[in-house]
Amino acid sequence: MGVHLFTSSGLIAGFMALLALAQNNFTAATLWMVLTLIIDGIDGTFARLFKVKQVLPNFNGTMIDYVVDFFTYAILPAYFFYQAHLLPPQLELVGVCMVLLVSAIYYGKDGMVSDNYHFVGFPVMWNVVVWYLYFVTQTNVWINFCAVVLFSILHFVPIKYPYPSRTLQFRGLNIAATVLCITSTVMCAWQYPVFTYWNYLALLSVAYYGFISVYYTYTHR
């Protein structure tokens, strides 16, 4: 039960992020959202370590995880887009609704994760998208809207993205890139709006994910 409570604690961290967003404290919100990302990244390891499925067969930890993930990876980022006015005013609600709708549809499709543990189609990681647009690239609202459209489409393009903690091939590199992504994002948020070498490191980690996803797609057919 302790592992399920740990997974559920992501909702508490997410709610704290929601409160920070409501106060336009985007740096604090990002730190809380990073905490939800860390919780989600290690709870599965704890579940397998303590054999939660055998100990509590009547509890569906995967469903708990989905509930938390949808809130932290879709609803919170959508509110971030809206509250930070990252999209053109006339298309703000359109972009936010697009994020929510494609995320829900993505969760409903079969084969969201392949048998060899790749996400098929861009995973619901809108938190990373909104962090990069706000803190890292600092682009204008029209480029941001184009990015929302692009990633919405990529949800349903059968590109294979690494599942950092479970994809076996290049697992060490994937975890290292994830750590770099999280660390650089936090530093970009902390130093915003100053553009430093952390912004370039953040972009480097994304470039790695882009390359490795194309590699997985064409070598794991």
N, C-alpha and C. Protein backbone atom coordinates (compact mmCIF):
# COMPACT_ATOMS: atom_id res chain seq x y z
N MET A 1 0.83 -1.21 0.00
CA MET A 1 0.00 0.00 0.00
C MET A 1 0.87 1.27 0.00
N GLY A 2 2.03 1.16 0.64
CA GLY A 2 2.92 2.32 0.69
C GLY A 2 3.35 2.77 -0.70
N VAL A 3 3.57 1.81 -1.61
CA VAL A 3 3.97 2.15 -2.98
C VAL A 3 2.83 2.88 -3.69
N HIS A 4 1.59 2.41 -3.50
CA HIS A 4 0.45 3.08 -4.12
C HIS A 4 0.27 4.49 -3.57
N LEU A 5 0.51 4.66 -2.27
CA LEU A 5 0.43 5.99 -1.69
C LEU A 5 1.52 6.90 -2.24
N PHE A 6 2.70 6.31 -2.46
CA PHE A 6 3.79 7.09 -3.05
C PHE A 6 3.41 7.54 -4.46
N THR A 7 2.85 6.63 -5.26
CA THR A 7 2.39 7.01 -6.60
C THR A 7 1.35 8.12 -6.52
N SER A 8 0.40 7.96 -5.60
CA SER A 8 -0.69 8.93 -5.45
C SER A 8 -0.19 10.29 -4.98
N SER A 9 0.97 10.31 -4.31
CA SER A 9 1.50 11.59 -3.82
C SER A 9 1.83 12.54 -4.96
N GLY A 10 1.94 11.99 -6.18
CA GLY A 10 2.14 12.85 -7.35
C GLY A 10 1.00 13.84 -7.52
N LEU A 11 -0.22 13.45 -7.08
CA LEU A 11 -1.36 14.36 -7.15
C LEU A 11 -1.19 15.54 -6.20
N ILE A 12 -0.61 15.27 -5.03
CA ILE A 12 -0.38 16.35 -4.07
C ILE A 12 0.63 17.35 -4.63
N ALA A 13 1.73 16.82 -5.15
CA ALA A 13 2.73 17.71 -5.77
C ALA A 13 2.11 18.46 -6.95
N GLY A 14 1.27 17.77 -7.72
CA GLY A 14 0.60 18.41 -8.84
C GLY A 14 -0.33 19.52 -8.40
N PHE A 15 -1.03 19.29 -7.29
CA PHE A 15 -1.94 20.33 -6.79
C PHE A 15 -1.16 21.55 -6.32
N MET A 16 -0.01 21.32 -5.71
CA MET A 16 0.83 22.45 -5.30
C MET A 16 1.30 23.23 -6.53
N ALA A 17 1.58 22.51 -7.62
CA ALA A 17 1.95 23.18 -8.87
C ALA A 17 0.77 24.00 -9.39
N LEU A 18 -0.43 23.47 -9.27
CA LEU A 18 -1.63 24.18 -9.71
C LEU A 18 -1.79 25.49 -8.94
N LEU A 19 -1.57 25.44 -7.63
CA LEU A 19 -1.67 26.65 -6.81
C LEU A 19 -0.62 27.68 -7.23
N ALA A 20 0.58 27.20 -7.53
CA ALA A 20 1.65 28.12 -7.97
C ALA A 20 1.30 28.75 -9.31
N LEU A 21 0.74 27.95 -10.23
CA LEU A 21 0.35 28.50 -11.53
C LEU A 21 -0.73 29.55 -11.37
N ALA A 22 -1.67 29.31 -10.47
CA ALA A 22 -2.75 30.27 -10.25
C ALA A 22 -2.21 31.61 -9.76
N GLN A 23 -1.03 31.58 -9.13
CA GLN A 23 -0.40 32.81 -8.64
C GLN A 23 0.67 33.33 -9.61
N ASN A 24 0.71 32.74 -10.81
CA ASN A 24 1.68 33.13 -11.84
C ASN A 24 3.13 32.92 -11.39
N ASN A 25 3.33 31.99 -10.47
CA ASN A 25 4.68 31.66 -10.03
C ASN A 25 5.13 30.43 -10.83
N PHE A 26 5.60 30.68 -12.05
CA PHE A 26 5.86 29.59 -12.98
C PHE A 26 7.11 28.79 -12.62
N THR A 27 8.06 29.43 -11.96
CA THR A 27 9.25 28.70 -11.52
C THR A 27 8.90 27.71 -10.43
N ALA A 28 8.15 28.16 -9.42
CA ALA A 28 7.74 27.25 -8.35
C ALA A 28 6.86 26.12 -8.90
N ALA A 29 5.98 26.46 -9.82
CA ALA A 29 5.13 25.44 -10.43
C ALA A 29 5.97 24.39 -11.13
N THR A 30 7.00 24.83 -11.83
CA THR A 30 7.87 23.89 -12.54
C THR A 30 8.59 22.97 -11.57
N LEU A 31 9.05 23.49 -10.45
CA LEU A 31 9.74 22.66 -9.46
C LEU A 31 8.81 21.58 -8.91
N TRP A 32 7.55 21.96 -8.64
CA TRP A 32 6.58 20.96 -8.18
C TRP A 32 6.29 19.94 -9.28
N MET A 33 6.21 20.40 -10.51
CA MET A 33 5.95 19.48 -11.63
C MET A 33 7.13 18.54 -11.86
N VAL A 34 8.34 19.04 -11.64
CA VAL A 34 9.52 18.16 -11.73
C VAL A 34 9.44 17.07 -10.66
N LEU A 35 8.97 17.44 -9.47
CA LEU A 35 8.80 16.43 -8.41
C LEU A 35 7.83 15.34 -8.84
N THR A 36 6.74 15.73 -9.51
CA THR A 36 5.79 14.71 -10.00
C THR A 36 6.46 13.81 -11.02
N LEU A 37 7.34 14.37 -11.83
CA LEU A 37 8.06 13.59 -12.84
C LEU A 37 8.99 12.58 -12.18
N ILE A 38 9.66 13.01 -11.11
CA ILE A 38 10.57 12.11 -10.39
C ILE A 38 9.79 10.98 -9.73
N ILE A 39 8.66 11.33 -9.10
CA ILE A 39 7.82 10.30 -8.47
C ILE A 39 7.38 9.27 -9.49
N ASP A 40 6.93 9.75 -10.64
CA ASP A 40 6.47 8.84 -11.69
C ASP A 40 7.62 8.00 -12.24
N GLY A 41 8.82 8.55 -12.22
CA GLY A 41 9.96 7.84 -12.78
C GLY A 41 10.45 6.70 -11.93
N ILE A 42 10.19 6.74 -10.61
CA ILE A 42 10.74 5.71 -9.73
C ILE A 42 9.67 4.84 -9.07
N ASP A 43 8.39 5.21 -9.17
CA ASP A 43 7.39 4.41 -8.47
C ASP A 43 7.25 3.01 -9.05
N GLY A 44 7.42 2.89 -10.38
CA GLY A 44 7.33 1.57 -11.00
C GLY A 44 8.44 0.64 -10.53
N THR A 45 9.63 1.21 -10.32
CA THR A 45 10.75 0.41 -9.80
C THR A 45 10.42 -0.10 -8.41
N PHE A 46 9.84 0.75 -7.58
CA PHE A 46 9.44 0.33 -6.23
C PHE A 46 8.37 -0.76 -6.30
N ALA A 47 7.42 -0.58 -7.23
CA ALA A 47 6.34 -1.57 -7.36
C ALA A 47 6.88 -2.94 -7.73
N ARG A 48 7.84 -2.98 -8.65
CA ARG A 48 8.43 -4.27 -9.04
C ARG A 48 9.32 -4.82 -7.93
N LEU A 49 10.02 -3.94 -7.22
CA LEU A 49 10.91 -4.37 -6.15
C LEU A 49 10.13 -5.02 -5.00
N PHE A 50 9.01 -4.43 -4.64
CA PHE A 50 8.22 -4.94 -3.52
C PHE A 50 7.07 -5.86 -3.95
N LYS A 51 7.05 -6.20 -5.26
CA LYS A 51 6.09 -7.16 -5.80
C LYS A 51 4.66 -6.80 -5.41
N VAL A 52 4.30 -5.57 -5.72
CA VAL A 52 3.01 -5.02 -5.30
C VAL A 52 1.85 -5.82 -5.87
N LYS A 53 1.96 -6.29 -7.11
CA LYS A 53 0.86 -7.03 -7.72
C LYS A 53 0.55 -8.31 -6.97
N GLN A 54 1.58 -8.95 -6.43
CA GLN A 54 1.34 -10.18 -5.66
C GLN A 54 0.82 -9.88 -4.26
N VAL A 55 1.34 -8.80 -3.66
CA VAL A 55 0.95 -8.47 -2.28
C VAL A 55 -0.47 -7.91 -2.23
N LEU A 56 -0.82 -7.06 -3.21
CA LEU A 56 -2.15 -6.43 -3.25
C LEU A 56 -2.78 -6.67 -4.61
N PRO A 57 -3.24 -7.89 -4.88
CA PRO A 57 -3.77 -8.20 -6.21
C PRO A 57 -5.06 -7.47 -6.54
N ASN A 58 -5.76 -6.95 -5.53
CA ASN A 58 -7.04 -6.27 -5.77
C ASN A 58 -6.88 -4.78 -6.05
N PHE A 59 -5.64 -4.29 -6.04
CA PHE A 59 -5.37 -2.89 -6.35
C PHE A 59 -4.67 -2.81 -7.70
N ASN A 60 -5.16 -1.90 -8.54
CA ASN A 60 -4.58 -1.73 -9.87
C ASN A 60 -3.68 -0.50 -9.86
N GLY A 61 -2.38 -0.74 -9.62
CA GLY A 61 -1.43 0.36 -9.56
C GLY A 61 -1.29 1.09 -10.89
N THR A 62 -1.47 0.35 -11.98
CA THR A 62 -1.36 0.98 -13.30
C THR A 62 -2.45 2.03 -13.49
N MET A 63 -3.66 1.73 -13.02
CA MET A 63 -4.75 2.70 -13.15
C MET A 63 -4.50 3.93 -12.29
N ILE A 64 -3.98 3.71 -11.08
CA ILE A 64 -3.62 4.85 -10.23
C ILE A 64 -2.60 5.73 -10.95
N ASP A 65 -1.62 5.07 -11.55
CA ASP A 65 -0.56 5.79 -12.27
C ASP A 65 -1.14 6.60 -13.42
N TYR A 66 -2.10 6.04 -14.16
CA TYR A 66 -2.71 6.74 -15.28
C TYR A 66 -3.46 7.99 -14.81
N VAL A 67 -4.16 7.87 -13.68
CA VAL A 67 -4.91 9.02 -13.15
C VAL A 67 -3.95 10.15 -12.82
N VAL A 68 -2.88 9.81 -12.10
CA VAL A 68 -1.89 10.82 -11.71
C VAL A 68 -1.22 11.41 -12.95
N ASP A 69 -0.84 10.54 -13.88
CA ASP A 69 -0.13 11.00 -15.08
C ASP A 69 -0.97 11.96 -15.91
N PHE A 70 -2.25 11.65 -16.07
CA PHE A 70 -3.07 12.52 -16.91
C PHE A 70 -3.19 13.91 -16.29
N PHE A 71 -3.28 13.95 -14.98
CA PHE A 71 -3.35 15.26 -14.31
C PHE A 71 -2.04 16.02 -14.46
N THR A 72 -0.91 15.33 -14.23
CA THR A 72 0.38 16.03 -14.20
C THR A 72 0.98 16.26 -15.57
N TYR A 73 0.66 15.39 -16.54
CA TYR A 73 1.27 15.49 -17.87
C TYR A 73 0.36 16.15 -18.91
N ALA A 74 -0.92 16.30 -18.60
CA ALA A 74 -1.84 16.90 -19.57
C ALA A 74 -2.57 18.12 -18.99
N ILE A 75 -3.29 17.93 -17.88
CA ILE A 75 -4.11 19.01 -17.34
C ILE A 75 -3.25 20.16 -16.82
N LEU A 76 -2.23 19.84 -16.02
CA LEU A 76 -1.36 20.90 -15.50
C LEU A 76 -0.66 21.69 -16.61
N PRO A 77 -0.02 21.02 -17.57
CA PRO A 77 0.61 21.77 -18.66
C PRO A 77 -0.38 22.61 -19.46
N ALA A 78 -1.59 22.08 -19.67
CA ALA A 78 -2.60 22.85 -20.39
C ALA A 78 -2.92 24.15 -19.65
N TYR A 79 -3.02 24.05 -18.33
CA TYR A 79 -3.27 25.25 -17.53
C TYR A 79 -2.06 26.18 -17.56
N PHE A 80 -0.86 25.60 -17.60
CA PHE A 80 0.38 26.40 -17.72
C PHE A 80 0.34 27.21 -19.02
N PHE A 81 0.01 26.54 -20.13
CA PHE A 81 -0.11 27.25 -21.42
C PHE A 81 -1.08 28.43 -21.28
N TYR A 82 -2.22 28.17 -20.65
CA TYR A 82 -3.28 29.19 -20.55
C TYR A 82 -2.86 30.33 -19.62
N GLN A 83 -2.33 29.99 -18.47
CA GLN A 83 -2.02 31.00 -17.46
C GLN A 83 -0.82 31.85 -17.86
N ALA A 84 0.14 31.25 -18.59
CA ALA A 84 1.33 31.99 -19.00
C ALA A 84 1.13 32.72 -20.32
N HIS A 85 -0.04 32.55 -20.94
CA HIS A 85 -0.36 33.19 -22.22
C HIS A 85 0.71 32.89 -23.27
N LEU A 86 1.00 31.60 -23.41
CA LEU A 86 2.03 31.17 -24.35
C LEU A 86 1.51 31.02 -25.78
N LEU A 87 0.21 31.14 -25.96
CA LEU A 87 -0.39 30.95 -27.28
C LEU A 87 -1.06 32.24 -27.74
N PRO A 88 -1.29 32.38 -29.05
CA PRO A 88 -1.96 33.59 -29.54
C PRO A 88 -3.32 33.76 -28.85
N PRO A 89 -3.68 34.98 -28.45
CA PRO A 89 -4.94 35.20 -27.71
C PRO A 89 -6.16 34.61 -28.40
N GLN A 90 -6.24 34.74 -29.73
CA GLN A 90 -7.40 34.25 -30.45
C GLN A 90 -7.42 32.73 -30.58
N LEU A 91 -6.29 32.09 -30.29
CA LEU A 91 -6.21 30.63 -30.41
C LEU A 91 -5.83 29.96 -29.08
N GLU A 92 -5.87 30.72 -28.02
CA GLU A 92 -5.42 30.21 -26.72
C GLU A 92 -6.24 29.00 -26.27
N LEU A 93 -7.56 29.14 -26.27
CA LEU A 93 -8.42 28.03 -25.85
C LEU A 93 -8.36 26.87 -26.84
N VAL A 94 -8.19 27.19 -28.11
CA VAL A 94 -8.07 26.13 -29.12
C VAL A 94 -6.85 25.26 -28.82
N GLY A 95 -5.72 25.91 -28.55
CA GLY A 95 -4.50 25.17 -28.25
C GLY A 95 -4.61 24.36 -26.98
N VAL A 96 -5.19 24.95 -25.93
CA VAL A 96 -5.35 24.25 -24.66
C VAL A 96 -6.27 23.03 -24.83
N CYS A 97 -7.38 23.22 -25.52
CA CYS A 97 -8.31 22.11 -25.76
C CYS A 97 -7.65 21.02 -26.60
N MET A 98 -6.80 21.41 -27.53
CA MET A 98 -6.10 20.44 -28.36
C MET A 98 -5.20 19.55 -27.49
N VAL A 99 -4.47 20.17 -26.57
CA VAL A 99 -3.61 19.42 -25.65
C VAL A 99 -4.41 18.39 -24.87
N LEU A 100 -5.54 18.81 -24.33
CA LEU A 100 -6.35 17.91 -23.50
C LEU A 100 -6.99 16.79 -24.31
N LEU A 101 -7.51 17.12 -25.48
CA LEU A 101 -8.22 16.12 -26.28
C LEU A 101 -7.28 15.05 -26.84
N VAL A 102 -6.15 15.49 -27.41
CA VAL A 102 -5.25 14.48 -27.99
C VAL A 102 -4.62 13.63 -26.90
N SER A 103 -4.43 14.19 -25.71
CA SER A 103 -3.88 13.41 -24.60
C SER A 103 -4.86 12.33 -24.18
N ALA A 104 -6.13 12.67 -24.08
CA ALA A 104 -7.14 11.69 -23.70
C ALA A 104 -7.24 10.58 -24.74
N ILE A 105 -7.23 10.95 -26.02
CA ILE A 105 -7.32 9.95 -27.09
C ILE A 105 -6.08 9.06 -27.08
N TYR A 106 -4.92 9.64 -26.84
CA TYR A 106 -3.68 8.85 -26.80
C TYR A 106 -3.74 7.80 -25.70
N TYR A 107 -4.25 8.18 -24.54
CA TYR A 107 -4.36 7.22 -23.43
C TYR A 107 -5.34 6.09 -23.76
N GLY A 108 -6.26 6.36 -24.66
CA GLY A 108 -7.27 5.35 -24.98
C GLY A 108 -6.86 4.38 -26.07
N LYS A 109 -5.75 4.63 -26.77
CA LYS A 109 -5.41 3.76 -27.88
C LYS A 109 -4.65 2.52 -27.40
N ASP A 110 -4.85 1.41 -28.10
CA ASP A 110 -4.10 0.19 -27.80
C ASP A 110 -2.66 0.34 -28.27
N GLY A 111 -1.75 -0.31 -27.56
CA GLY A 111 -0.35 -0.28 -27.98
C GLY A 111 0.34 1.02 -27.69
N MET A 112 -0.09 1.71 -26.63
CA MET A 112 0.57 2.96 -26.26
C MET A 112 2.05 2.71 -25.94
N VAL A 113 2.33 1.55 -25.33
CA VAL A 113 3.70 1.12 -25.06
C VAL A 113 3.91 -0.21 -25.78
N SER A 114 5.00 -0.32 -26.54
CA SER A 114 5.26 -1.54 -27.30
C SER A 114 5.74 -2.66 -26.39
N ASP A 115 5.80 -3.87 -26.93
CA ASP A 115 6.23 -5.02 -26.15
C ASP A 115 7.66 -4.89 -25.65
N ASN A 116 8.50 -4.18 -26.41
CA ASN A 116 9.89 -3.98 -25.96
C ASN A 116 10.08 -2.60 -25.32
N TYR A 117 8.98 -2.07 -24.77
CA TYR A 117 9.00 -0.88 -23.93
C TYR A 117 9.51 0.38 -24.65
N HIS A 118 8.80 0.71 -25.72
CA HIS A 118 8.94 2.03 -26.34
C HIS A 118 7.54 2.66 -26.33
N PHE A 119 7.49 3.97 -26.14
CA PHE A 119 6.23 4.67 -26.36
C PHE A 119 6.02 4.77 -27.87
N VAL A 120 4.86 4.41 -28.33
CA VAL A 120 4.55 4.48 -29.75
C VAL A 120 3.74 5.75 -30.00
N GLY A 121 4.33 6.69 -30.71
CA GLY A 121 3.76 8.02 -30.82
C GLY A 121 4.29 8.88 -29.68
N PHE A 122 4.33 10.17 -29.90
CA PHE A 122 4.85 11.07 -28.86
C PHE A 122 4.05 10.88 -27.58
N PRO A 123 4.71 10.53 -26.48
CA PRO A 123 3.97 10.29 -25.23
C PRO A 123 3.38 11.58 -24.68
N VAL A 124 2.44 11.44 -23.78
CA VAL A 124 1.81 12.62 -23.18
C VAL A 124 2.82 13.24 -22.20
N MET A 125 3.67 14.08 -22.75
CA MET A 125 4.70 14.77 -21.97
C MET A 125 4.60 16.27 -22.21
N TRP A 126 3.39 16.78 -22.09
CA TRP A 126 3.19 18.21 -22.36
C TRP A 126 3.86 19.08 -21.32
N ASN A 127 4.17 18.51 -20.16
CA ASN A 127 4.91 19.29 -19.17
C ASN A 127 6.28 19.69 -19.72
N VAL A 128 6.96 18.74 -20.37
CA VAL A 128 8.26 19.04 -20.96
C VAL A 128 8.12 20.06 -22.10
N VAL A 129 7.09 19.90 -22.91
CA VAL A 129 6.87 20.83 -24.02
C VAL A 129 6.68 22.26 -23.50
N VAL A 130 5.85 22.42 -22.51
CA VAL A 130 5.56 23.77 -22.02
C VAL A 130 6.78 24.36 -21.31
N TRP A 131 7.55 23.53 -20.61
CA TRP A 131 8.77 24.03 -19.97
C TRP A 131 9.74 24.56 -21.01
N TYR A 132 9.91 23.80 -22.07
CA TYR A 132 10.87 24.20 -23.10
C TYR A 132 10.42 25.48 -23.81
N LEU A 133 9.14 25.57 -24.10
CA LEU A 133 8.66 26.77 -24.80
C LEU A 133 8.76 28.01 -23.93
N TYR A 134 8.52 27.84 -22.63
CA TYR A 134 8.52 29.01 -21.74
C TYR A 134 9.92 29.38 -21.27
N PHE A 135 10.68 28.39 -20.79
CA PHE A 135 11.97 28.69 -20.16
C PHE A 135 13.18 28.53 -21.09
N VAL A 136 13.12 27.57 -22.00
CA VAL A 136 14.32 27.22 -22.76
C VAL A 136 14.41 27.99 -24.07
N THR A 137 13.43 27.80 -24.95
CA THR A 137 13.50 28.45 -26.26
C THR A 137 13.00 29.88 -26.22
N GLN A 138 12.02 30.15 -25.33
CA GLN A 138 11.47 31.50 -25.15
C GLN A 138 10.99 32.08 -26.49
N THR A 139 10.26 31.25 -27.24
CA THR A 139 9.80 31.65 -28.57
C THR A 139 8.49 32.42 -28.49
N ASN A 140 8.05 32.97 -29.63
CA ASN A 140 6.82 33.76 -29.64
C ASN A 140 5.59 32.86 -29.70
N VAL A 141 4.43 33.47 -29.51
CA VAL A 141 3.20 32.71 -29.34
C VAL A 141 2.82 31.91 -30.58
N TRP A 142 3.16 32.41 -31.77
CA TRP A 142 2.79 31.70 -32.99
C TRP A 142 3.65 30.46 -33.19
N ILE A 143 4.91 30.56 -32.88
CA ILE A 143 5.77 29.37 -32.92
C ILE A 143 5.30 28.36 -31.88
N ASN A 144 4.91 28.84 -30.72
CA ASN A 144 4.39 27.95 -29.68
C ASN A 144 3.15 27.20 -30.16
N PHE A 145 2.26 27.92 -30.83
CA PHE A 145 1.04 27.27 -31.32
C PHE A 145 1.39 26.21 -32.37
N CYS A 146 2.33 26.52 -33.24
CA CYS A 146 2.76 25.53 -34.24
C CYS A 146 3.35 24.30 -33.56
N ALA A 147 4.08 24.52 -32.46
CA ALA A 147 4.65 23.40 -31.72
C ALA A 147 3.54 22.54 -31.11
N VAL A 148 2.50 23.16 -30.60
CA VAL A 148 1.37 22.41 -30.04
C VAL A 148 0.72 21.55 -31.13
N VAL A 149 0.51 22.13 -32.30
CA VAL A 149 -0.08 21.38 -33.41
C VAL A 149 0.82 20.21 -33.80
N LEU A 150 2.13 20.47 -33.90
CA LEU A 150 3.08 19.44 -34.30
C LEU A 150 3.07 18.26 -33.33
N PHE A 151 3.19 18.55 -32.04
CA PHE A 151 3.24 17.48 -31.05
C PHE A 151 1.89 16.77 -30.93
N SER A 152 0.81 17.48 -31.19
CA SER A 152 -0.51 16.82 -31.20
C SER A 152 -0.57 15.78 -32.31
N ILE A 153 -0.03 16.11 -33.47
CA ILE A 153 0.00 15.17 -34.59
C ILE A 153 0.93 14.00 -34.27
N LEU A 154 2.08 14.30 -33.65
CA LEU A 154 3.07 13.26 -33.37
C LEU A 154 2.57 12.22 -32.37
N HIS A 155 1.51 12.55 -31.61
CA HIS A 155 0.90 11.54 -30.74
C HIS A 155 0.50 10.29 -31.54
N PHE A 156 0.15 10.49 -32.80
CA PHE A 156 -0.45 9.41 -33.59
C PHE A 156 0.42 8.99 -34.77
N VAL A 157 1.65 9.47 -34.80
CA VAL A 157 2.63 9.02 -35.79
C VAL A 157 3.45 7.90 -35.13
N PRO A 158 3.53 6.72 -35.73
CA PRO A 158 4.14 5.56 -35.05
C PRO A 158 5.66 5.62 -34.93
N ILE A 159 6.14 6.70 -34.34
CA ILE A 159 7.56 6.81 -34.00
C ILE A 159 7.73 6.20 -32.61
N LYS A 160 8.83 5.49 -32.41
CA LYS A 160 9.08 4.84 -31.12
C LYS A 160 10.00 5.71 -30.27
N TYR A 161 9.47 6.12 -29.12
CA TYR A 161 10.22 6.96 -28.20
C TYR A 161 10.69 6.12 -27.01
N PRO A 162 11.86 6.39 -26.48
CA PRO A 162 12.37 5.58 -25.37
C PRO A 162 11.54 5.75 -24.10
N TYR A 163 11.38 4.65 -23.40
CA TYR A 163 10.81 4.63 -22.06
C TYR A 163 12.03 4.56 -21.14
N PRO A 164 12.53 5.69 -20.64
CA PRO A 164 13.88 5.74 -20.07
C PRO A 164 14.19 4.65 -19.05
N SER A 165 13.25 4.34 -18.17
CA SER A 165 13.55 3.39 -17.11
C SER A 165 13.38 1.94 -17.54
N ARG A 166 12.81 1.69 -18.76
CA ARG A 166 12.51 0.30 -19.13
C ARG A 166 13.04 -0.12 -20.49
N THR A 167 13.25 0.80 -21.42
CA THR A 167 13.83 0.43 -22.71
C THR A 167 15.26 -0.05 -22.48
N LEU A 168 15.54 -1.28 -22.83
CA LEU A 168 16.83 -1.87 -22.48
C LEU A 168 17.98 -1.32 -23.31
N GLN A 169 17.79 -1.19 -24.62
CA GLN A 169 18.87 -0.73 -25.48
C GLN A 169 19.20 0.74 -25.18
N PHE A 170 20.46 1.02 -24.89
CA PHE A 170 20.93 2.37 -24.55
C PHE A 170 20.25 2.92 -23.29
N ARG A 171 19.90 2.02 -22.40
CA ARG A 171 19.18 2.45 -21.19
C ARG A 171 19.98 3.48 -20.40
N GLY A 172 21.28 3.23 -20.25
CA GLY A 172 22.12 4.16 -19.50
C GLY A 172 22.14 5.54 -20.12
N LEU A 173 22.28 5.58 -21.45
CA LEU A 173 22.29 6.87 -22.14
C LEU A 173 20.93 7.57 -22.01
N ASN A 174 19.86 6.79 -22.10
CA ASN A 174 18.52 7.38 -21.99
C ASN A 174 18.29 7.99 -20.62
N ILE A 175 18.74 7.29 -19.58
CA ILE A 175 18.58 7.81 -18.23
C ILE A 175 19.45 9.05 -18.05
N ALA A 176 20.67 9.01 -18.59
CA ALA A 176 21.55 10.18 -18.49
C ALA A 176 20.95 11.39 -19.20
N ALA A 177 20.36 11.16 -20.38
CA ALA A 177 19.71 12.26 -21.12
C ALA A 177 18.52 12.80 -20.34
N THR A 178 17.79 11.90 -19.66
CA THR A 178 16.64 12.34 -18.87
C THR A 178 17.09 13.19 -17.69
N VAL A 179 18.15 12.75 -17.02
CA VAL A 179 18.69 13.53 -15.90
C VAL A 179 19.16 14.90 -16.37
N LEU A 180 19.83 14.92 -17.54
CA LEU A 180 20.29 16.20 -18.11
C LEU A 180 19.10 17.09 -18.44
N CYS A 181 18.05 16.49 -19.01
CA CYS A 181 16.85 17.25 -19.37
C CYS A 181 16.22 17.89 -18.14
N ILE A 182 16.05 17.09 -17.10
CA ILE A 182 15.41 17.61 -15.88
C ILE A 182 16.27 18.67 -15.21
N THR A 183 17.58 18.36 -15.08
CA THR A 183 18.49 19.30 -14.41
C THR A 183 18.57 20.63 -15.16
N SER A 184 18.74 20.55 -16.47
CA SER A 184 18.86 21.77 -17.26
C SER A 184 17.57 22.57 -17.26
N THR A 185 16.43 21.87 -17.26
CA THR A 185 15.15 22.58 -17.22
C THR A 185 14.98 23.34 -15.91
N VAL A 186 15.34 22.68 -14.81
CA VAL A 186 15.26 23.35 -13.50
C VAL A 186 16.16 24.58 -13.47
N MET A 187 17.36 24.45 -14.01
CA MET A 187 18.29 25.58 -14.01
C MET A 187 17.80 26.70 -14.92
N CYS A 188 17.22 26.33 -16.06
CA CYS A 188 16.65 27.36 -16.95
C CYS A 188 15.52 28.11 -16.26
N ALA A 189 14.69 27.35 -15.53
CA ALA A 189 13.58 27.98 -14.80
C ALA A 189 14.11 28.88 -13.70
N TRP A 190 15.17 28.43 -13.04
CA TRP A 190 15.74 29.20 -11.92
C TRP A 190 16.37 30.51 -12.41
N GLN A 191 16.99 30.48 -13.61
CA GLN A 191 17.70 31.63 -14.12
C GLN A 191 16.88 32.44 -15.13
N TYR A 192 15.67 32.03 -15.40
CA TYR A 192 14.80 32.73 -16.36
C TYR A 192 14.65 34.20 -15.96
N PRO A 193 14.68 35.14 -16.92
CA PRO A 193 14.72 34.96 -18.38
C PRO A 193 16.12 35.02 -18.99
N VAL A 194 17.16 34.90 -18.17
CA VAL A 194 18.53 34.93 -18.69
C VAL A 194 18.80 33.65 -19.48
N PHE A 195 19.36 33.81 -20.67
CA PHE A 195 19.66 32.67 -21.54
C PHE A 195 21.12 32.27 -21.29
N THR A 196 21.33 31.06 -20.74
CA THR A 196 22.67 30.62 -20.37
C THR A 196 23.01 29.31 -21.08
N TYR A 197 24.16 28.75 -20.74
CA TYR A 197 24.56 27.47 -21.34
C TYR A 197 23.62 26.34 -20.95
N TRP A 198 22.86 26.53 -19.85
CA TRP A 198 21.88 25.51 -19.47
C TRP A 198 20.80 25.37 -20.55
N ASN A 199 20.47 26.45 -21.21
CA ASN A 199 19.49 26.38 -22.30
C ASN A 199 20.00 25.50 -23.43
N TYR A 200 21.29 25.62 -23.73
CA TYR A 200 21.88 24.79 -24.79
C TYR A 200 21.94 23.32 -24.37
N LEU A 201 22.23 23.07 -23.09
CA LEU A 201 22.25 21.69 -22.61
C LEU A 201 20.85 21.08 -22.66
N ALA A 202 19.85 21.90 -22.35
CA ALA A 202 18.47 21.42 -22.44
C ALA A 202 18.11 21.04 -23.87
N LEU A 203 18.53 21.87 -24.81
CA LEU A 203 18.28 21.58 -26.22
C LEU A 203 19.05 20.35 -26.68
N LEU A 204 20.24 20.15 -26.13
CA LEU A 204 21.04 18.97 -26.47
C LEU A 204 20.34 17.69 -26.05
N SER A 205 19.74 17.70 -24.87
CA SER A 205 19.03 16.50 -24.41
C SER A 205 17.83 16.18 -25.29
N VAL A 206 17.13 17.21 -25.76
CA VAL A 206 16.00 16.99 -26.66
C VAL A 206 16.49 16.47 -28.02
N ALA A 207 17.61 17.01 -28.49
CA ALA A 207 18.17 16.53 -29.76
C ALA A 207 18.53 15.05 -29.66
N TYR A 208 19.05 14.65 -28.50
CA TYR A 208 19.37 13.23 -28.30
C TYR A 208 18.11 12.38 -28.40
N TYR A 209 17.03 12.82 -27.73
CA TYR A 209 15.78 12.06 -27.76
C TYR A 209 15.22 11.98 -29.17
N GLY A 210 15.35 13.06 -29.91
CA GLY A 210 14.89 13.02 -31.30
C GLY A 210 15.66 12.01 -32.12
N PHE A 211 16.99 12.00 -31.97
CA PHE A 211 17.83 11.07 -32.71
C PHE A 211 17.55 9.63 -32.32
N ILE A 212 17.51 9.35 -31.02
CA ILE A 212 17.35 7.97 -30.55
C ILE A 212 15.96 7.45 -30.91
N SER A 213 14.96 8.32 -30.96
CA SER A 213 13.61 7.89 -31.34
C SER A 213 13.56 7.47 -32.80
N VAL A 214 14.21 8.24 -33.65
CA VAL A 214 14.29 7.86 -35.07
C VAL A 214 15.05 6.54 -35.21
N TYR A 215 16.13 6.39 -34.45
CA TYR A 215 16.92 5.15 -34.50
C TYR A 215 16.07 3.95 -34.09
N TYR A 216 15.35 4.07 -32.97
CA TYR A 216 14.49 2.98 -32.51
C TYR A 216 13.43 2.63 -33.54
N THR A 217 12.87 3.65 -34.14
CA THR A 217 11.77 3.45 -35.10
C THR A 217 12.24 2.63 -36.29
N TYR A 218 13.42 2.91 -36.79
CA TYR A 218 13.90 2.25 -38.01
C TYR A 218 14.71 0.99 -37.75
N THR A 219 15.00 0.69 -36.49
CA THR A 219 15.73 -0.54 -36.19
C THR A 219 14.92 -1.55 -35.40
N HIS A 220 13.72 -1.16 -34.95
CA HIS A 220 12.84 -2.06 -34.19
C HIS A 220 11.50 -2.17 -34.89
N ARG A 221 11.54 -2.54 -36.14
CA ARG A 221 10.30 -2.66 -36.90
C ARG A 221 9.60 -3.97 -36.55
